[in-house]
């Protein structure tokens, strides 16, 4: 029996036979091309790209019955193939090096990969795998490499492979694919998106493990803990069969309760909101019980476009999202992205450390036209429902004041153009830098509410890049410094009568729910939609008095290890059916 750890991207437990799907990368060697054949080699490249685009469109046409978001991702892949920088750099390499198109394309991919490695953002870093997948698809078309189709599978199996392409995921049959495990991928990769949509347990980012698995081996996919067990013994099989049954019952129970209010036993109500990035997600969040959108990430509108979205483009999109959520509110965050390759059309200035560079509100203020289009689009869409504006990566009061000045200018321009909008849209600031947290009382004087982005706030407080495998273990959400800062931010907001939302991953972690409410008054928790039922379940079983006692004790401890151990033990003792790894989805009967 062998156990491998990876990243859980789709919850559940799958038990079945392994099916090794050949998705190995092609080894590309450099080959010299005579000057007289350079143009023909460039034509080979363009033909392979066009073939890849045609394959994407064919896949998209077969995707009509799948999640709406799938079509958007396929469009994004097509746009990657049309990226002028990607294509032109490859052509320049062919001309300069007199090299074959396959090798030139791998050189360009390596340059792009290095750019992505310098991005300190989970979502964007996950797109590196998508780019890699798209480019290798072109390379395979260049050399005529054929690979078996996942559609050929005609019996229930667990897919074991290096990576899965969009074409793979679209043709997979839920009745035959019990689970999936891939060597590469992250939380934002398309595999997790579609595994979740189909309810297929999946673990990605397992590293070099395919060589240790044979087709026909018995495999367990633990999409709860992020583990893959190969050739389990009988005792482990019995344990996971029970875990599988209990988890299925648990999920069914949670969805049955989505209509209930997110209220503690002593009457404290917390609004549970959804984080989204596309209009398609906005249409589906209600089934999880979301009471609105607590964070609409607008970056996707820019990353999935060849040209910058216009005011009309943004208005049209925002209007659809707001209408889909009526009568619930939608919090629209202005662009939060660094000046990396994806937006070179905004800035060509290279940055050694984008996480501390021109990103978030800094980028918007440095590019006023960019900000004005966003603000006008939001204002115009405000006629169709409840909208709130949220400024990202704020580090000073001056940034908020300047952004609000642009907001007033946007309003004035719309008035002159006789374009209607709601004048009293709430404006908020994200608290995700230590400086913003330390002066939150002054920032609160300039805004109507604050939203705490725990992902960035924690890594900036601890000076830890959680994507860097060398220091990722130091990323501790329950670090004493983090808890103290959160408690102070909550207290300042409550004293000034301003609402507080948490929109980072911590807000959607049921293990943190009890602690967060104990640290202070939290009005909203915004999270990935599928986390809402689990967080609500915890909320409805607790009292604020108990939560405050738990938080006070956590604050009395010194080390992250002590706090983590205390929180884990307390939550599992109080809510064994939700947290006890050995009992909740294992041997415990519900």
Protein backbone atom coordinates (compact mmCIF):
# COMPACT_ATOMS: atom_id res chain seq x y z
CA UNK A 1 0.00 0.00 0.00
CA UNK A 2 1.29 3.45 -0.96
CA UNK A 3 -0.16 6.87 -0.05
CA UNK A 4 0.46 10.03 -2.09
CA UNK A 5 -0.47 13.57 -1.08
CA UNK A 6 -1.67 16.29 -3.45
CA UNK A 7 -4.26 19.06 -3.68
CA UNK A 8 -7.93 18.22 -3.19
CA UNK A 9 -9.93 20.05 -5.88
CA UNK A 10 -13.21 18.11 -5.85
CA UNK A 11 -14.55 16.60 -2.64
CA UNK A 12 -15.65 13.02 -2.16
CA UNK A 13 -14.23 9.52 -2.07
CA UNK A 14 -13.76 7.24 -5.08
CA UNK A 15 -12.70 3.59 -5.03
CA UNK A 16 -11.96 1.62 -8.18
CA UNK A 17 -9.49 0.33 -10.74
CA UNK A 18 -6.75 2.59 -12.04
CA UNK A 19 -6.67 3.53 -15.72
CA UNK A 20 -3.38 5.10 -16.82
CA UNK A 21 -4.14 7.63 -19.52
CA UNK A 22 -1.15 8.54 -21.68
CA UNK A 23 -0.74 12.29 -21.44
CA UNK A 24 3.03 12.37 -21.33
CA UNK A 25 4.78 15.34 -22.84
CA UNK A 26 6.60 15.02 -26.11
CA UNK A 27 10.40 15.34 -26.08
CA UNK A 28 11.34 18.08 -28.54
CA UNK A 29 14.82 18.33 -30.08
CA UNK A 30 16.27 21.29 -31.89
CA UNK A 31 16.58 20.88 -35.63
CA UNK A 32 18.28 23.32 -38.01
CA UNK A 33 16.16 24.79 -40.78
CA UNK A 34 17.76 26.21 -43.96
CA UNK A 35 17.09 29.87 -44.72
CA UNK A 36 15.08 28.87 -47.76
CA UNK A 37 12.64 26.85 -45.61
CA UNK A 38 12.05 29.41 -42.82
CA UNK A 39 8.77 30.70 -44.24
CA UNK A 40 7.51 27.15 -44.68
CA UNK A 41 8.38 26.41 -41.04
CA UNK A 42 6.45 29.49 -39.93
CA UNK A 43 3.50 28.25 -41.99
CA UNK A 44 3.76 24.87 -40.21
CA UNK A 45 3.49 26.71 -36.88
CA UNK A 46 0.46 28.75 -37.97
CA UNK A 47 -1.25 25.66 -39.40
CA UNK A 48 -0.74 23.75 -36.13
CA UNK A 49 -2.15 26.68 -34.16
CA UNK A 50 -5.20 26.86 -36.43
CA UNK A 51 -5.69 23.11 -36.03
CA UNK A 52 -5.55 23.48 -32.24
CA UNK A 53 -8.09 26.31 -32.36
CA UNK A 54 -10.39 24.21 -34.51
CA UNK A 55 -10.07 21.36 -32.00
CA UNK A 56 -11.02 23.75 -29.19
CA UNK A 57 -14.08 24.96 -31.07
CA UNK A 58 -15.15 21.40 -31.84
CA UNK A 59 -14.83 20.58 -28.15
CA UNK A 60 -16.81 23.69 -27.25
CA UNK A 61 -19.68 22.63 -29.51
CA UNK A 62 -19.83 19.31 -27.70
CA UNK A 63 -19.84 21.15 -24.37
CA UNK A 64 -23.36 22.56 -24.60
CA UNK A 65 -24.67 20.25 -21.90
CA UNK A 66 -21.78 20.94 -19.54
CA UNK A 67 -21.17 23.74 -17.05
CA UNK A 68 -21.39 27.16 -18.72
CA UNK A 69 -17.97 28.04 -17.38
CA UNK A 70 -16.45 25.35 -19.59
CA UNK A 71 -17.19 27.31 -22.76
CA UNK A 72 -15.50 30.38 -21.27
CA UNK A 73 -12.35 28.44 -20.43
CA UNK A 74 -12.23 27.01 -23.95
CA UNK A 75 -12.54 30.55 -25.30
CA UNK A 76 -9.68 31.56 -23.02
CA UNK A 77 -7.53 28.74 -24.40
CA UNK A 78 -8.34 29.89 -27.93
CA UNK A 79 -7.30 33.44 -26.99
CA UNK A 80 -3.99 32.10 -25.67
CA UNK A 81 -3.38 30.60 -29.11
CA UNK A 82 -4.10 34.00 -30.65
CA UNK A 83 -1.76 35.87 -28.30
CA UNK A 84 0.49 37.99 -30.53
CA UNK A 85 3.38 37.86 -28.07
CA UNK A 86 3.26 34.06 -27.91
CA UNK A 87 3.10 33.67 -31.68
CA UNK A 88 5.49 36.47 -32.63
CA UNK A 89 8.20 35.45 -30.14
CA UNK A 90 8.07 31.91 -31.52
CA UNK A 91 8.35 33.18 -35.08
CA UNK A 92 11.28 35.41 -34.12
CA UNK A 93 13.03 32.40 -32.57
CA UNK A 94 12.49 30.37 -35.74
CA UNK A 95 14.04 33.18 -37.82
CA UNK A 96 16.86 33.99 -35.43
CA UNK A 97 17.91 30.44 -34.58
CA UNK A 98 16.93 28.82 -37.89
CA UNK A 99 15.15 26.27 -35.72
CA UNK A 100 12.16 23.99 -36.10
CA UNK A 101 8.80 25.33 -34.90
CA UNK A 102 8.46 22.70 -32.13
CA UNK A 103 11.70 23.73 -30.45
CA UNK A 104 11.03 27.46 -30.90
CA UNK A 105 7.64 27.03 -29.24
CA UNK A 106 9.19 25.32 -26.22
CA UNK A 107 11.64 28.24 -25.86
CA UNK A 108 8.74 30.70 -25.82
CA UNK A 109 6.84 28.54 -23.33
CA UNK A 110 9.85 28.56 -21.00
CA UNK A 111 9.94 32.38 -21.07
CA UNK A 112 6.25 32.59 -20.29
CA UNK A 113 6.56 30.00 -17.53
CA UNK A 114 9.23 32.10 -15.83
CA UNK A 115 6.90 35.11 -15.95
CA UNK A 116 4.10 33.11 -14.31
CA UNK A 117 6.50 31.87 -11.63
CA UNK A 118 7.05 35.49 -10.59
CA UNK A 119 3.33 36.11 -10.07
CA UNK A 120 2.40 35.94 -6.40
CA UNK A 121 -1.25 35.14 -6.98
CA UNK A 122 -2.89 31.70 -6.69
CA UNK A 123 -5.43 32.26 -9.44
CA UNK A 124 -2.97 33.57 -12.02
CA UNK A 125 -0.25 31.10 -11.12
CA UNK A 126 -2.72 28.30 -11.78
CA UNK A 127 -3.03 29.55 -15.36
CA UNK A 128 0.57 28.50 -16.01
CA UNK A 129 -0.62 24.90 -16.30
CA UNK A 130 -3.32 25.97 -18.76
CA UNK A 131 -0.74 27.72 -20.96
CA UNK A 132 1.52 24.68 -20.79
CA UNK A 133 -1.35 22.44 -21.84
CA UNK A 134 -2.32 24.65 -24.79
CA UNK A 135 1.24 24.96 -26.10
CA UNK A 136 1.89 21.22 -25.88
CA UNK A 137 -1.33 20.66 -27.80
CA UNK A 138 0.14 22.72 -30.64
CA UNK A 139 3.42 20.80 -30.42
CA UNK A 140 1.58 17.47 -30.73
CA UNK A 141 -0.21 18.78 -33.81
CA UNK A 142 3.14 19.82 -35.25
CA UNK A 143 4.57 16.33 -34.98
CA UNK A 144 1.32 14.40 -35.56
CA UNK A 145 1.33 12.78 -32.13
CA UNK A 146 -1.81 10.70 -31.42
CA UNK A 147 -3.09 9.94 -27.95
CA UNK A 148 -5.92 7.70 -26.84
CA UNK A 149 -9.23 9.35 -26.01
CA UNK A 150 -10.86 9.25 -22.62
CA UNK A 151 -14.09 8.64 -24.58
CA UNK A 152 -12.80 5.12 -25.37
CA UNK A 153 -13.24 4.06 -21.73
CA UNK A 154 -16.23 1.73 -21.36
CA UNK A 155 -16.04 0.59 -17.73
CA UNK A 156 -15.92 2.36 -14.33
CA UNK A 157 -12.33 3.44 -13.60
CA UNK A 158 -10.21 6.02 -11.83
CA UNK A 159 -8.18 8.13 -14.26
CA UNK A 160 -4.47 8.40 -13.44
CA UNK A 161 -2.58 10.75 -15.75
CA UNK A 162 -0.04 13.55 -16.00
CA UNK A 163 -2.67 16.12 -16.97
CA UNK A 164 -6.09 16.34 -18.59
CA UNK A 165 -6.97 18.59 -21.51
CA UNK A 166 -10.32 20.36 -22.08
CA UNK A 167 -11.08 17.76 -24.75
CA UNK A 168 -10.54 15.03 -22.17
CA UNK A 169 -12.85 16.53 -19.59
CA UNK A 170 -15.63 17.30 -22.05
CA UNK A 171 -15.96 13.74 -23.36
CA UNK A 172 -15.62 11.96 -20.04
CA UNK A 173 -18.67 9.99 -18.93
CA UNK A 174 -19.71 10.41 -15.31
CA UNK A 175 -20.95 6.82 -15.31
CA UNK A 176 -17.47 5.52 -16.15
CA UNK A 177 -15.13 8.03 -14.51
CA UNK A 178 -15.22 7.42 -10.75
CA UNK A 179 -12.34 9.71 -9.82
CA UNK A 180 -9.30 11.53 -11.16
CA UNK A 181 -5.69 12.03 -10.09
CA UNK A 182 -3.15 14.12 -12.00
CA UNK A 183 0.52 14.81 -11.50
CA UNK A 184 0.18 18.53 -12.23
CA UNK A 185 -2.43 21.21 -11.56
CA UNK A 186 -3.56 23.48 -8.75
CA UNK A 187 -6.69 24.77 -7.09
CA UNK A 188 -7.57 26.98 -10.06
CA UNK A 189 -6.90 24.46 -12.84
CA UNK A 190 -9.75 23.40 -15.10
CA UNK A 191 -9.63 19.79 -13.84
CA UNK A 192 -11.00 20.83 -10.47
CA UNK A 193 -13.68 23.01 -12.04
CA UNK A 194 -15.14 20.21 -14.10
CA UNK A 195 -14.61 17.46 -11.58
CA UNK A 196 -16.66 19.56 -9.17
CA UNK A 197 -19.31 20.22 -11.81
CA UNK A 198 -19.68 16.48 -12.39
CA UNK A 199 -19.34 15.51 -8.73
CA UNK A 200 -16.21 13.44 -9.41
CA UNK A 201 -13.64 13.26 -6.56
CA UNK A 202 -10.29 14.60 -7.76
CA UNK A 203 -6.77 15.23 -6.48
CA UNK A 204 -4.16 17.13 -8.51
CA UNK A 205 -0.55 18.24 -8.07
CA UNK A 206 0.63 14.78 -6.99
CA UNK A 207 4.04 15.13 -8.59
CA UNK A 208 5.86 12.27 -10.28
CA UNK A 209 3.71 9.36 -9.11
CA UNK A 210 2.27 7.78 -12.30
CA UNK A 211 5.28 5.50 -12.58
CA UNK A 212 4.23 3.81 -9.34
CA UNK A 213 0.72 2.94 -10.56
CA UNK A 214 -0.34 0.26 -13.02
CA UNK A 215 -3.62 0.02 -14.90
CA UNK A 216 -5.86 -2.33 -12.96
CA UNK A 217 -4.44 -1.42 -9.54
CA UNK A 218 -7.03 -0.73 -6.86
CA UNK A 219 -6.93 3.00 -6.10
CA UNK A 220 -8.69 5.26 -3.59
CA UNK A 221 -9.14 8.97 -4.34
CA UNK A 222 -9.68 10.96 -1.14
CA UNK A 223 -10.91 14.31 -2.45
CA UNK A 224 -11.50 15.46 1.12
CA UNK A 225 -7.96 15.16 2.42
CA UNK A 226 -6.13 15.34 -0.92
CA UNK A 227 -4.70 11.83 -0.84
CA UNK A 228 -4.41 8.94 -3.29
CA UNK A 229 -3.98 5.42 -1.91
CA UNK A 230 -2.63 2.77 -4.28
CA UNK A 231 -3.24 -0.93 -3.61
CA UNK A 232 -4.86 -0.40 -0.17
CA UNK A 233 -5.13 -3.31 2.25
CA UNK A 234 -8.51 -4.71 3.30
CA UNK A 235 -8.65 -2.65 6.48
CA UNK A 236 -8.06 0.60 4.57
CA UNK A 237 -10.65 -0.41 1.97
CA UNK A 238 -13.30 -1.02 4.64
CA UNK A 239 -12.50 2.35 6.22
CA UNK A 240 -12.83 4.25 2.94
CA UNK A 241 -16.01 2.48 1.84
CA UNK A 242 -17.60 3.67 5.06
CA UNK A 243 -16.09 7.14 4.62
CA UNK A 244 -17.51 7.27 1.10
CA UNK A 245 -21.03 6.37 2.25
CA UNK A 246 -21.00 8.81 5.15
CA UNK A 247 -19.66 11.67 3.07
CA UNK A 248 -22.40 11.19 0.49
CA UNK A 249 -25.01 11.29 3.26
CA UNK A 250 -23.33 14.36 4.78
CA UNK A 251 -23.36 16.29 1.48
CA UNK A 252 -27.00 15.41 0.87
CA UNK A 253 -27.97 16.66 4.33
CA UNK A 254 -26.15 19.96 3.84
CA UNK A 255 -27.92 20.70 0.56
CA UNK A 256 -31.26 19.91 2.15
CA UNK A 257 -30.67 22.76 4.63
CA UNK A 258 -29.61 25.52 2.22
CA UNK A 259 -32.86 27.40 2.75
CA UNK A 260 -32.20 27.86 6.46
CA UNK A 261 -30.88 31.15 7.84
CA UNK A 262 -27.17 31.36 8.70
CA UNK A 263 -27.84 32.15 12.36
CA UNK A 264 -26.11 31.12 15.57
CA UNK A 265 -28.01 29.46 18.39
CA UNK A 266 -28.11 32.80 20.23
CA UNK A 267 -29.53 34.73 17.27
CA UNK A 268 -26.49 36.28 15.54
CA UNK A 269 -27.03 36.31 11.76
CA UNK A 270 -24.14 36.27 9.30
CA UNK A 271 -24.70 36.75 5.59
CA UNK A 272 -23.02 34.00 3.58
CA UNK A 273 -21.98 35.24 0.16
CA UNK A 274 -20.26 33.76 -2.87
CA UNK A 275 -16.97 34.59 -4.57
CA UNK A 276 -17.25 34.37 -8.36
CA UNK A 277 -15.33 35.32 -11.48
CA UNK A 278 -17.84 34.78 -14.32
CA UNK A 279 -21.46 35.49 -15.13
CA UNK A 280 -22.03 31.74 -15.48
CA UNK A 281 -21.14 31.20 -11.82
CA UNK A 282 -23.48 34.02 -10.81
CA UNK A 283 -26.39 32.07 -12.24
CA UNK A 284 -25.65 28.98 -10.17
CA UNK A 285 -24.73 30.25 -6.69
CA UNK A 286 -28.31 30.27 -5.43
CA UNK A 287 -28.40 26.48 -5.27
CA UNK A 288 -25.82 26.65 -2.47
CA UNK A 289 -27.81 29.20 -0.49
CA UNK A 290 -25.71 32.30 -1.25
CA UNK A 291 -27.28 35.60 -0.20
CA UNK A 292 -25.41 37.58 -2.80
CA UNK A 293 -21.94 38.00 -4.29
CA UNK A 294 -19.39 39.12 -1.72
CA UNK A 295 -16.57 39.27 -4.27
CA UNK A 296 -16.84 39.48 -8.03
CA UNK A 297 -13.32 39.12 -9.39
CA UNK A 298 -13.25 41.20 -12.54
CA UNK A 299 -9.79 40.01 -13.63
CA UNK A 300 -11.25 37.26 -15.81
CA UNK A 301 -12.81 39.91 -18.06
CA UNK A 302 -9.30 41.19 -18.83
CA UNK A 303 -7.44 37.89 -18.95
CA UNK A 304 -9.95 36.38 -21.38
CA UNK A 305 -9.82 39.25 -23.88
CA UNK A 306 -7.50 40.18 -26.72
CA UNK A 307 -8.14 43.86 -26.09
CA UNK A 308 -8.99 45.76 -22.94
CA UNK A 309 -12.72 45.66 -22.12
CA UNK A 310 -14.50 48.91 -22.91
CA UNK A 311 -16.90 50.72 -20.62
CA UNK A 312 -19.78 49.17 -22.58
CA UNK A 313 -18.27 45.69 -22.28
CA UNK A 314 -17.97 46.04 -18.52
CA UNK A 315 -21.43 47.57 -18.15
CA UNK A 316 -23.02 44.72 -20.10
CA UNK A 317 -21.30 42.10 -17.97
CA UNK A 318 -22.01 43.79 -14.63
CA UNK A 319 -25.66 44.31 -15.59
CA UNK A 320 -26.12 40.59 -16.27
CA UNK A 321 -24.50 39.61 -12.98
CA UNK A 322 -26.63 42.04 -10.98
CA UNK A 323 -29.82 40.90 -12.69
CA UNK A 324 -28.95 37.26 -12.03
CA UNK A 325 -28.61 37.95 -8.29
CA UNK A 326 -31.58 40.30 -7.79
CA UNK A 327 -32.65 41.05 -5.03
CA UNK A 328 -29.30 40.19 -3.43
CA UNK A 329 -26.26 42.52 -3.47
CA UNK A 330 -23.19 42.17 -5.69
CA UNK A 331 -19.79 43.42 -4.56
CA UNK A 332 -17.67 44.27 -7.62
CA UNK A 333 -13.95 44.53 -6.99
CA UNK A 334 -12.06 46.80 -9.33
CA UNK A 335 -9.20 45.20 -11.23
CA UNK A 336 -6.73 43.40 -8.96
CA UNK A 337 -3.88 42.25 -11.14
CA UNK A 338 -0.23 43.03 -11.51
CA UNK A 339 1.52 44.37 -14.59
CA UNK A 340 2.55 40.87 -15.68
CA UNK A 341 2.54 39.37 -19.16
CA UNK A 342 -1.23 38.96 -19.26
CA UNK A 343 -1.68 42.72 -19.24
CA UNK A 344 1.36 43.98 -21.10
CA UNK A 345 -1.01 46.04 -23.16
CA UNK A 346 -1.44 48.11 -19.98
CA UNK A 347 2.19 48.23 -18.88
CA UNK A 348 5.45 46.97 -20.38
CA UNK A 349 7.45 47.63 -17.21
CA UNK A 350 8.98 44.36 -15.94
CA UNK A 351 8.79 43.69 -12.20
CA UNK A 352 11.04 41.42 -10.16
CA UNK A 353 8.45 41.17 -7.40
CA UNK A 354 4.93 41.77 -8.74
CA UNK A 355 3.38 41.04 -5.31
CA UNK A 356 4.96 44.27 -4.06
CA UNK A 357 4.64 46.15 -7.32
CA UNK A 358 2.06 47.80 -9.53
CA UNK A 359 -1.07 45.82 -8.70
CA UNK A 360 -4.55 46.34 -7.30
CA UNK A 361 -5.61 49.92 -6.71
CA UNK A 362 -2.06 51.12 -7.49
CA UNK A 363 -2.37 49.91 -11.07
CA UNK A 364 -5.83 51.46 -11.45
CA UNK A 365 -4.66 54.82 -10.12
CA UNK A 366 -1.63 54.69 -12.39
CA UNK A 367 -3.97 54.07 -15.33
CA UNK A 368 -6.95 56.41 -14.71
CA UNK A 369 -8.68 55.52 -17.97
CA UNK A 370 -8.67 51.89 -16.90
CA UNK A 371 -10.27 52.79 -13.56
CA UNK A 372 -12.79 55.19 -15.08
CA UNK A 373 -14.11 52.53 -17.46
CA UNK A 374 -14.60 50.17 -14.55
CA UNK A 375 -16.32 52.75 -12.38
CA UNK A 376 -18.63 53.94 -15.15
CA UNK A 377 -19.55 50.35 -16.00
CA UNK A 378 -20.42 49.68 -12.36
CA UNK A 379 -22.40 52.90 -11.99
CA UNK A 380 -24.48 52.23 -15.10
CA UNK A 381 -25.24 48.65 -13.98
CA UNK A 382 -26.40 49.94 -10.58
CA UNK A 383 -29.83 50.69 -12.05
CA UNK A 384 -30.55 46.97 -12.24
CA UNK A 385 -29.87 45.88 -8.67
CA UNK A 386 -27.80 46.29 -5.54
CA UNK A 387 -24.14 46.98 -6.26
CA UNK A 388 -21.18 47.77 -4.05
CA UNK A 389 -17.73 48.93 -5.18
CA UNK A 390 -14.61 47.43 -3.62
CA UNK A 391 -11.06 48.82 -3.98
CA UNK A 392 -8.33 46.10 -3.82
CA UNK A 393 -4.85 46.11 -2.28
CA UNK A 394 -5.31 49.39 -0.42
CA UNK A 395 -2.27 50.42 1.60
CA UNK A 396 -3.02 54.06 2.44
CA UNK A 397 -5.84 56.52 3.04
CA UNK A 398 -4.59 58.57 0.09
CA UNK A 399 -5.33 55.72 -2.32
CA UNK A 400 -8.93 55.51 -1.14
CA UNK A 401 -9.39 59.28 -1.35
CA UNK A 402 -7.95 59.39 -4.87
CA UNK A 403 -10.03 56.44 -6.05
CA UNK A 404 -13.18 58.04 -4.67
CA UNK A 405 -12.27 61.27 -6.45
CA UNK A 406 -12.26 59.33 -9.72
CA UNK A 407 -15.61 57.83 -8.74
CA UNK A 408 -17.09 61.30 -8.33
CA UNK A 409 -15.58 62.30 -11.67
CA UNK A 410 -17.16 59.24 -13.29
CA UNK A 411 -20.53 60.21 -11.84
CA UNK A 412 -20.20 63.75 -13.15
CA UNK A 413 -19.33 62.55 -16.66
CA UNK A 414 -22.34 60.24 -16.69
CA UNK A 415 -24.59 63.08 -15.53
CA UNK A 416 -23.34 65.30 -18.35
CA UNK A 417 -24.02 62.49 -20.81
CA UNK A 418 -27.47 62.09 -19.23
CA UNK A 419 -26.78 58.43 -18.44
CA UNK A 420 -28.72 57.30 -15.33
CA UNK A 421 -27.18 55.49 -12.32
CA UNK A 422 -27.68 55.08 -8.58
CA UNK A 423 -25.83 57.84 -6.77
CA UNK A 424 -25.53 56.20 -3.35
CA UNK A 425 -23.54 53.06 -4.17
CA UNK A 426 -21.64 51.81 -1.09
CA UNK A 427 -17.86 51.95 -1.44
CA UNK A 428 -15.49 49.65 0.41
CA UNK A 429 -11.78 48.96 0.79
CA UNK A 430 -10.05 45.63 0.98
CA UNK A 431 -7.91 45.18 4.05
CA UNK A 432 -5.16 42.88 2.83
CA UNK A 433 -1.95 44.74 3.64
CA UNK A 434 -0.49 45.24 7.14
CA UNK A 435 -0.46 49.00 6.60
CA UNK A 436 -4.19 49.05 5.85
CA UNK A 437 -4.89 46.92 8.92
CA UNK A 438 -2.87 49.24 11.17
CA UNK A 439 -4.68 52.37 9.96
CA UNK A 440 -8.07 50.77 9.43
CA UNK A 441 -9.75 53.37 11.63
CA UNK A 442 -8.67 56.13 9.20
CA UNK A 443 -9.65 54.09 6.16
CA UNK A 444 -13.06 53.44 7.69
CA UNK A 445 -13.64 57.19 7.78
CA UNK A 446 -13.48 57.21 3.97
CA UNK A 447 -15.56 54.12 3.11
CA UNK A 448 -18.90 52.50 3.88
CA UNK A 449 -17.53 49.04 4.69
CA UNK A 450 -14.38 46.93 4.60
CA UNK A 451 -13.67 43.49 3.23
CA UNK A 452 -10.73 41.51 4.59
CA UNK A 453 -8.75 39.61 1.98
CA UNK A 454 -7.14 37.05 4.25
CA UNK A 455 -5.09 35.33 1.53
CA UNK A 456 -2.85 38.34 0.89
CA UNK A 457 -3.11 39.76 4.40
CA UNK A 458 -1.74 36.59 5.97
CA UNK A 459 1.16 36.22 3.54
CA UNK A 460 2.11 39.88 3.91
CA UNK A 461 1.94 39.72 7.71
CA UNK A 462 4.05 36.58 7.81
CA UNK A 463 6.29 37.48 4.82
CA UNK A 464 5.50 34.07 3.31
CA UNK A 465 4.72 33.18 -0.27
CA UNK A 466 2.35 30.26 0.23
CA UNK A 467 2.90 29.13 -3.37
CA UNK A 468 6.63 28.76 -2.75
CA UNK A 469 7.12 25.15 -1.72
CA UNK A 470 10.24 26.08 0.29
CA UNK A 471 8.29 28.26 2.74
CA UNK A 472 4.64 27.27 2.20
CA UNK A 473 4.61 25.43 5.54
CA UNK A 474 5.17 28.78 7.25
CA UNK A 475 1.87 30.11 5.90
CA UNK A 476 -0.20 29.78 9.07
CA UNK A 477 -3.69 31.35 9.07
CA UNK A 478 -3.95 30.76 12.82
CA UNK A 479 -0.65 32.54 13.58
CA UNK A 480 -1.02 34.70 16.70
CA UNK A 481 -0.10 37.87 14.81
CA UNK A 482 -2.89 37.21 12.29
CA UNK A 483 -5.46 36.63 15.02
CA UNK A 484 -4.44 39.80 16.89
CA UNK A 485 -4.68 41.94 13.76
CA UNK A 486 -8.07 40.48 12.80
CA UNK A 487 -9.40 41.12 16.30
CA UNK A 488 -8.27 44.73 16.18
CA UNK A 489 -9.74 45.31 12.70
CA UNK A 490 -13.08 43.84 13.83
CA UNK A 491 -13.10 46.05 16.93
CA UNK A 492 -12.34 49.24 14.99
CA UNK A 493 -15.08 48.56 12.45
CA UNK A 494 -17.65 47.76 15.14
CA UNK A 495 -16.80 50.91 17.12
CA UNK A 496 -17.45 52.98 13.98
CA UNK A 497 -20.60 51.10 13.02
CA UNK A 498 -19.16 49.92 9.69
CA UNK A 499 -19.86 46.41 8.26
CA UNK A 500 -17.05 43.86 7.93
CA UNK A 501 -16.78 41.09 5.37
CA UNK A 502 -14.17 38.36 4.98
CA UNK A 503 -13.63 37.25 1.40
CA UNK A 504 -10.42 35.22 1.58
CA UNK A 505 -10.14 31.44 1.88
CA UNK A 506 -10.30 31.69 5.66
CA UNK A 507 -13.89 32.89 5.38
CA UNK A 508 -14.88 29.68 3.62
CA UNK A 509 -13.00 27.33 5.94
CA UNK A 510 -15.47 25.68 8.36
CA UNK A 511 -12.55 25.03 10.72
CA UNK A 512 -12.12 28.80 11.10
CA UNK A 513 -15.79 29.83 11.38
CA UNK A 514 -16.04 29.46 15.16
CA UNK A 515 -12.78 31.35 15.73
CA UNK A 516 -13.57 34.23 13.37
CA UNK A 517 -16.90 34.99 15.01
CA UNK A 518 -15.24 34.78 18.41
CA UNK A 519 -12.65 37.40 17.45
CA UNK A 520 -15.29 40.06 16.78
CA UNK A 521 -18.35 41.12 14.84
CA UNK A 522 -18.37 39.75 11.30
CA UNK A 523 -21.29 40.76 9.09
CA UNK A 524 -20.50 38.70 6.00
CA UNK A 525 -18.42 35.69 5.05
CA UNK A 526 -17.81 35.36 1.31
CA UNK A 527 -16.43 32.13 -0.14
CA UNK A 528 -16.43 29.68 -3.01
CA UNK A 529 -20.10 28.68 -3.44
CA UNK A 530 -19.72 25.00 -2.56
CA UNK A 531 -18.35 25.94 0.90
CA UNK A 532 -21.49 27.83 1.94
CA UNK A 533 -23.54 24.82 3.16
CA UNK A 534 -20.66 23.58 5.34
CA UNK A 535 -20.03 26.98 6.94
CA UNK A 536 -23.75 27.48 7.53
CA UNK A 537 -23.94 24.09 9.21
CA UNK A 538 -21.30 25.17 11.75
CA UNK A 539 -22.90 28.57 12.32
CA UNK A 540 -26.24 27.04 13.20
CA UNK A 541 -24.69 24.79 15.87
CA UNK A 542 -22.74 27.45 17.82
CA UNK A 543 -23.25 30.40 20.16
CA UNK A 544 -21.28 33.63 20.19
CA UNK A 545 -20.51 33.12 23.86
CA UNK A 546 -18.80 29.81 23.07
CA UNK A 547 -17.01 31.34 20.09
CA UNK A 548 -15.62 34.21 22.16
CA UNK A 549 -14.34 31.82 24.82
CA UNK A 550 -12.60 29.76 22.15
CA UNK A 551 -11.05 32.87 20.58
CA UNK A 552 -9.87 34.20 23.94
CA UNK A 553 -8.10 30.94 24.70
CA UNK A 554 -6.51 30.85 21.25
CA UNK A 555 -5.17 34.38 21.82
CA UNK A 556 -3.62 33.26 25.12
CA UNK A 557 -1.41 30.72 23.31
CA UNK A 558 1.96 31.57 21.79
CA UNK A 559 2.81 29.34 18.85
CA UNK A 560 0.99 28.46 15.66
CA UNK A 561 1.39 24.79 16.51
CA UNK A 562 -0.39 25.29 19.84
CA UNK A 563 -3.20 27.33 18.29
CA UNK A 564 -3.67 24.91 15.40
CA UNK A 565 -3.79 21.94 17.75
CA UNK A 566 -6.27 23.70 20.04
CA UNK A 567 -8.61 24.80 17.22
CA UNK A 568 -8.49 21.40 15.53
CA UNK A 569 -9.21 19.53 18.76
CA UNK A 570 -12.00 21.90 19.79
CA UNK A 571 -13.76 21.80 16.43
CA UNK A 572 -13.57 18.02 16.19
CA UNK A 573 -14.82 17.60 19.74
CA UNK A 574 -17.68 20.06 19.26
CA UNK A 575 -18.60 19.00 15.73
CA UNK A 576 -17.42 15.40 15.29
CA UNK A 577 -19.77 14.72 12.37
CA UNK A 578 -18.16 17.62 10.46
CA UNK A 579 -14.48 17.46 11.32
CA UNK A 580 -13.28 14.21 12.85
CA UNK A 581 -11.29 12.67 10.02
CA UNK A 582 -11.50 9.20 11.51
CA UNK A 583 -15.15 9.41 12.57
CA UNK A 584 -17.00 11.98 10.48
CA UNK A 585 -16.65 10.23 7.14
CA UNK A 586 -15.18 6.98 8.44
CA UNK A 587 -16.61 4.71 11.11
CA UNK A 588 -19.08 7.08 12.79
CA UNK A 589 -22.73 6.41 11.96
CA UNK A 590 -24.97 9.40 11.41
